[in-house]
N, C-alpha and C. Protein backbone atom coordinates (compact mmCIF):
# COMPACT_ATOMS: atom_id res chain seq x y z
N MET A 1 -11.97 -72.20 -4.87
CA MET A 1 -13.08 -71.32 -4.65
C MET A 1 -13.61 -70.83 -5.99
N ILE A 2 -14.90 -70.93 -6.16
CA ILE A 2 -15.55 -70.53 -7.42
C ILE A 2 -16.15 -69.14 -7.24
N LYS A 3 -15.80 -68.27 -8.21
CA LYS A 3 -16.36 -66.92 -8.16
C LYS A 3 -17.68 -66.89 -8.93
N ARG A 4 -18.66 -66.25 -8.36
CA ARG A 4 -19.94 -66.08 -9.03
C ARG A 4 -19.95 -64.76 -9.78
N MET A 5 -20.58 -64.79 -10.95
CA MET A 5 -20.72 -63.56 -11.71
C MET A 5 -22.03 -62.90 -11.28
N ALA A 6 -21.94 -61.66 -10.88
CA ALA A 6 -23.10 -60.96 -10.34
C ALA A 6 -24.12 -60.62 -11.45
N ASN A 7 -23.65 -60.33 -12.64
CA ASN A 7 -24.54 -59.88 -13.72
C ASN A 7 -24.84 -60.96 -14.74
N ARG A 8 -24.78 -62.18 -14.35
CA ARG A 8 -25.00 -63.28 -15.29
C ARG A 8 -26.49 -63.37 -15.65
N ASN A 9 -26.79 -63.40 -16.98
CA ASN A 9 -28.16 -63.47 -17.45
C ASN A 9 -28.71 -64.88 -17.32
N THR A 10 -29.99 -64.96 -17.06
CA THR A 10 -30.65 -66.25 -17.00
C THR A 10 -31.24 -66.56 -18.38
N VAL A 11 -31.62 -67.79 -18.57
CA VAL A 11 -32.23 -68.20 -19.84
C VAL A 11 -33.51 -67.41 -20.08
N GLN A 12 -34.28 -67.23 -19.04
CA GLN A 12 -35.54 -66.51 -19.17
C GLN A 12 -35.31 -65.04 -19.57
N SER A 13 -34.32 -64.39 -18.98
CA SER A 13 -34.08 -62.99 -19.32
C SER A 13 -33.56 -62.85 -20.75
N VAL A 14 -32.72 -63.79 -21.17
CA VAL A 14 -32.23 -63.77 -22.55
C VAL A 14 -33.38 -64.00 -23.52
N ALA A 15 -34.27 -64.96 -23.20
CA ALA A 15 -35.41 -65.24 -24.07
C ALA A 15 -36.33 -64.03 -24.15
N SER A 16 -36.57 -63.37 -23.03
CA SER A 16 -37.45 -62.19 -23.06
C SER A 16 -36.80 -61.03 -23.82
N ASP A 17 -35.50 -60.85 -23.66
CA ASP A 17 -34.78 -59.82 -24.43
C ASP A 17 -34.83 -60.11 -25.92
N LEU A 18 -34.69 -61.38 -26.28
CA LEU A 18 -34.72 -61.78 -27.68
C LEU A 18 -36.11 -61.54 -28.28
N LYS A 19 -37.17 -61.86 -27.55
CA LYS A 19 -38.53 -61.61 -28.04
C LYS A 19 -38.76 -60.12 -28.25
N SER A 20 -38.30 -59.33 -27.31
CA SER A 20 -38.45 -57.87 -27.42
C SER A 20 -37.68 -57.36 -28.64
N HIS A 21 -36.48 -57.86 -28.81
CA HIS A 21 -35.65 -57.45 -29.95
C HIS A 21 -36.31 -57.85 -31.27
N GLU A 22 -36.85 -59.07 -31.34
CA GLU A 22 -37.50 -59.53 -32.56
C GLU A 22 -38.73 -58.69 -32.89
N ALA A 23 -39.49 -58.30 -31.89
CA ALA A 23 -40.67 -57.46 -32.12
C ALA A 23 -40.27 -56.10 -32.67
N LYS A 24 -39.23 -55.51 -32.11
CA LYS A 24 -38.75 -54.22 -32.59
C LYS A 24 -38.23 -54.32 -34.03
N CYS A 25 -37.48 -55.37 -34.30
CA CYS A 25 -36.92 -55.56 -35.65
C CYS A 25 -38.03 -55.78 -36.67
N GLU A 26 -39.05 -56.54 -36.29
CA GLU A 26 -40.17 -56.78 -37.21
C GLU A 26 -40.85 -55.46 -37.58
N GLU A 27 -41.05 -54.62 -36.60
CA GLU A 27 -41.68 -53.32 -36.86
C GLU A 27 -40.79 -52.45 -37.74
N ARG A 28 -39.50 -52.48 -37.49
CA ARG A 28 -38.57 -51.70 -38.33
C ARG A 28 -38.58 -52.19 -39.77
N TRP A 29 -38.59 -53.52 -39.96
CA TRP A 29 -38.60 -54.06 -41.32
C TRP A 29 -39.89 -53.70 -42.05
N LYS A 30 -41.01 -53.72 -41.34
CA LYS A 30 -42.28 -53.31 -41.96
C LYS A 30 -42.18 -51.87 -42.45
N THR A 31 -41.61 -51.02 -41.63
CA THR A 31 -41.45 -49.61 -42.01
C THR A 31 -40.52 -49.47 -43.21
N ILE A 32 -39.43 -50.21 -43.19
CA ILE A 32 -38.46 -50.14 -44.29
C ILE A 32 -39.10 -50.62 -45.60
N PHE A 33 -39.82 -51.75 -45.55
CA PHE A 33 -40.45 -52.27 -46.77
C PHE A 33 -41.50 -51.30 -47.30
N LYS A 34 -42.24 -50.67 -46.40
CA LYS A 34 -43.25 -49.69 -46.83
C LYS A 34 -42.58 -48.52 -47.54
N GLU A 35 -41.51 -48.02 -46.95
CA GLU A 35 -40.81 -46.88 -47.54
C GLU A 35 -40.16 -47.25 -48.88
N THR A 36 -39.60 -48.44 -48.98
CA THR A 36 -38.99 -48.83 -50.26
C THR A 36 -40.05 -49.01 -51.33
N GLU A 37 -41.24 -49.47 -50.98
CA GLU A 37 -42.32 -49.58 -51.97
C GLU A 37 -42.72 -48.19 -52.46
N GLU A 38 -42.77 -47.22 -51.55
CA GLU A 38 -43.09 -45.85 -51.95
C GLU A 38 -42.01 -45.29 -52.88
N ILE A 39 -40.76 -45.56 -52.57
CA ILE A 39 -39.66 -45.08 -53.41
C ILE A 39 -39.73 -45.73 -54.79
N LYS A 40 -40.02 -47.04 -54.84
CA LYS A 40 -40.14 -47.72 -56.12
C LYS A 40 -41.25 -47.11 -56.97
N ALA A 41 -42.38 -46.78 -56.34
CA ALA A 41 -43.49 -46.18 -57.07
C ALA A 41 -43.10 -44.80 -57.61
N GLU A 42 -42.40 -44.01 -56.81
CA GLU A 42 -41.97 -42.69 -57.25
C GLU A 42 -40.97 -42.79 -58.40
N VAL A 43 -40.04 -43.72 -58.32
CA VAL A 43 -39.05 -43.91 -59.39
C VAL A 43 -39.75 -44.37 -60.67
N SER A 44 -40.74 -45.23 -60.53
CA SER A 44 -41.49 -45.70 -61.69
C SER A 44 -42.23 -44.54 -62.37
N ASP A 45 -42.86 -43.68 -61.57
CA ASP A 45 -43.54 -42.51 -62.13
C ASP A 45 -42.55 -41.57 -62.82
N LEU A 46 -41.41 -41.36 -62.20
CA LEU A 46 -40.39 -40.50 -62.79
C LEU A 46 -39.88 -41.08 -64.09
N ASN A 47 -39.70 -42.40 -64.12
CA ASN A 47 -39.24 -43.08 -65.33
C ASN A 47 -40.25 -42.89 -66.47
N LYS A 48 -41.53 -43.03 -66.17
CA LYS A 48 -42.57 -42.83 -67.18
C LYS A 48 -42.55 -41.39 -67.71
N THR A 49 -42.39 -40.44 -66.83
CA THR A 49 -42.35 -39.03 -67.22
C THR A 49 -41.15 -38.76 -68.12
N LEU A 50 -40.00 -39.31 -67.77
CA LEU A 50 -38.80 -39.11 -68.58
C LEU A 50 -38.95 -39.74 -69.97
N LYS A 51 -39.56 -40.92 -70.03
CA LYS A 51 -39.78 -41.55 -71.33
C LYS A 51 -40.68 -40.69 -72.20
N MET A 52 -41.75 -40.16 -71.61
CA MET A 52 -42.66 -39.30 -72.38
C MET A 52 -41.93 -38.05 -72.86
N ALA A 53 -41.09 -37.47 -72.03
CA ALA A 53 -40.36 -36.26 -72.41
C ALA A 53 -39.37 -36.55 -73.54
N VAL A 54 -38.68 -37.69 -73.46
CA VAL A 54 -37.71 -38.04 -74.50
C VAL A 54 -38.43 -38.28 -75.83
N PHE A 55 -39.52 -39.04 -75.81
CA PHE A 55 -40.26 -39.28 -77.05
C PHE A 55 -40.85 -37.98 -77.60
N GLY A 56 -41.30 -37.09 -76.71
CA GLY A 56 -41.82 -35.79 -77.15
C GLY A 56 -40.74 -34.96 -77.83
N CYS A 57 -39.55 -34.94 -77.24
CA CYS A 57 -38.43 -34.17 -77.83
C CYS A 57 -38.03 -34.74 -79.18
N PHE A 58 -37.92 -36.06 -79.27
CA PHE A 58 -37.57 -36.66 -80.57
C PHE A 58 -38.65 -36.42 -81.61
N GLY A 59 -39.91 -36.47 -81.20
CA GLY A 59 -41.00 -36.17 -82.13
C GLY A 59 -40.94 -34.74 -82.61
N PHE A 60 -40.69 -33.81 -81.70
CA PHE A 60 -40.58 -32.40 -82.07
C PHE A 60 -39.39 -32.17 -83.00
N LEU A 61 -38.24 -32.75 -82.68
CA LEU A 61 -37.06 -32.59 -83.54
C LEU A 61 -37.28 -33.22 -84.90
N GLY A 62 -37.97 -34.37 -84.95
CA GLY A 62 -38.28 -35.00 -86.22
C GLY A 62 -39.18 -34.13 -87.07
N THR A 63 -40.18 -33.51 -86.43
CA THR A 63 -41.09 -32.61 -87.15
C THR A 63 -40.34 -31.41 -87.70
N LEU A 64 -39.44 -30.84 -86.89
CA LEU A 64 -38.64 -29.71 -87.37
C LEU A 64 -37.75 -30.12 -88.54
N LEU A 65 -37.16 -31.28 -88.46
CA LEU A 65 -36.30 -31.75 -89.53
C LEU A 65 -37.09 -31.93 -90.83
N ILE A 66 -38.26 -32.50 -90.73
CA ILE A 66 -39.10 -32.67 -91.92
C ILE A 66 -39.50 -31.31 -92.49
N ALA A 67 -39.84 -30.36 -91.61
CA ALA A 67 -40.21 -29.02 -92.07
C ALA A 67 -39.04 -28.35 -92.77
N LEU A 68 -37.84 -28.46 -92.22
CA LEU A 68 -36.67 -27.85 -92.85
C LEU A 68 -36.35 -28.50 -94.20
N ILE A 69 -36.45 -29.81 -94.25
CA ILE A 69 -36.17 -30.51 -95.51
C ILE A 69 -37.20 -30.12 -96.57
N SER A 70 -38.46 -29.97 -96.16
CA SER A 70 -39.49 -29.60 -97.15
C SER A 70 -39.34 -28.16 -97.61
N ILE A 71 -38.75 -27.30 -96.79
CA ILE A 71 -38.47 -25.91 -97.21
C ILE A 71 -37.31 -25.90 -98.17
N ILE A 72 -36.25 -26.65 -97.87
CA ILE A 72 -35.07 -26.66 -98.70
C ILE A 72 -35.34 -27.36 -100.03
N PHE A 73 -36.01 -28.48 -99.97
CA PHE A 73 -36.34 -29.26 -101.18
C PHE A 73 -37.86 -29.33 -101.35
N PRO A 74 -38.45 -28.29 -101.89
CA PRO A 74 -39.93 -28.31 -102.01
C PRO A 74 -40.38 -29.36 -103.02
N VAL A 75 -41.53 -29.96 -102.70
CA VAL A 75 -42.11 -30.98 -103.58
C VAL A 75 -43.12 -30.27 -104.46
N ASN A 76 -42.97 -30.47 -105.79
CA ASN A 76 -43.87 -29.81 -106.74
C ASN A 76 -45.02 -30.67 -107.10
């Protein structure tokens, strides 16, 4: 005697579930890629700001060093 499985999926139901799943995943990936592009842009802007700040600080410290050296060793 062969037992039948009551909840056995058909090929059509599996195919329809797979299509639904693929559509949901595609939408999720679009959202993820959009958000990662926004994060990359923000990190890039932050990186530019940090570079400008570092160069500004080194420029300021260099100017102070030159000023101190010219006070200590005046040029006649």
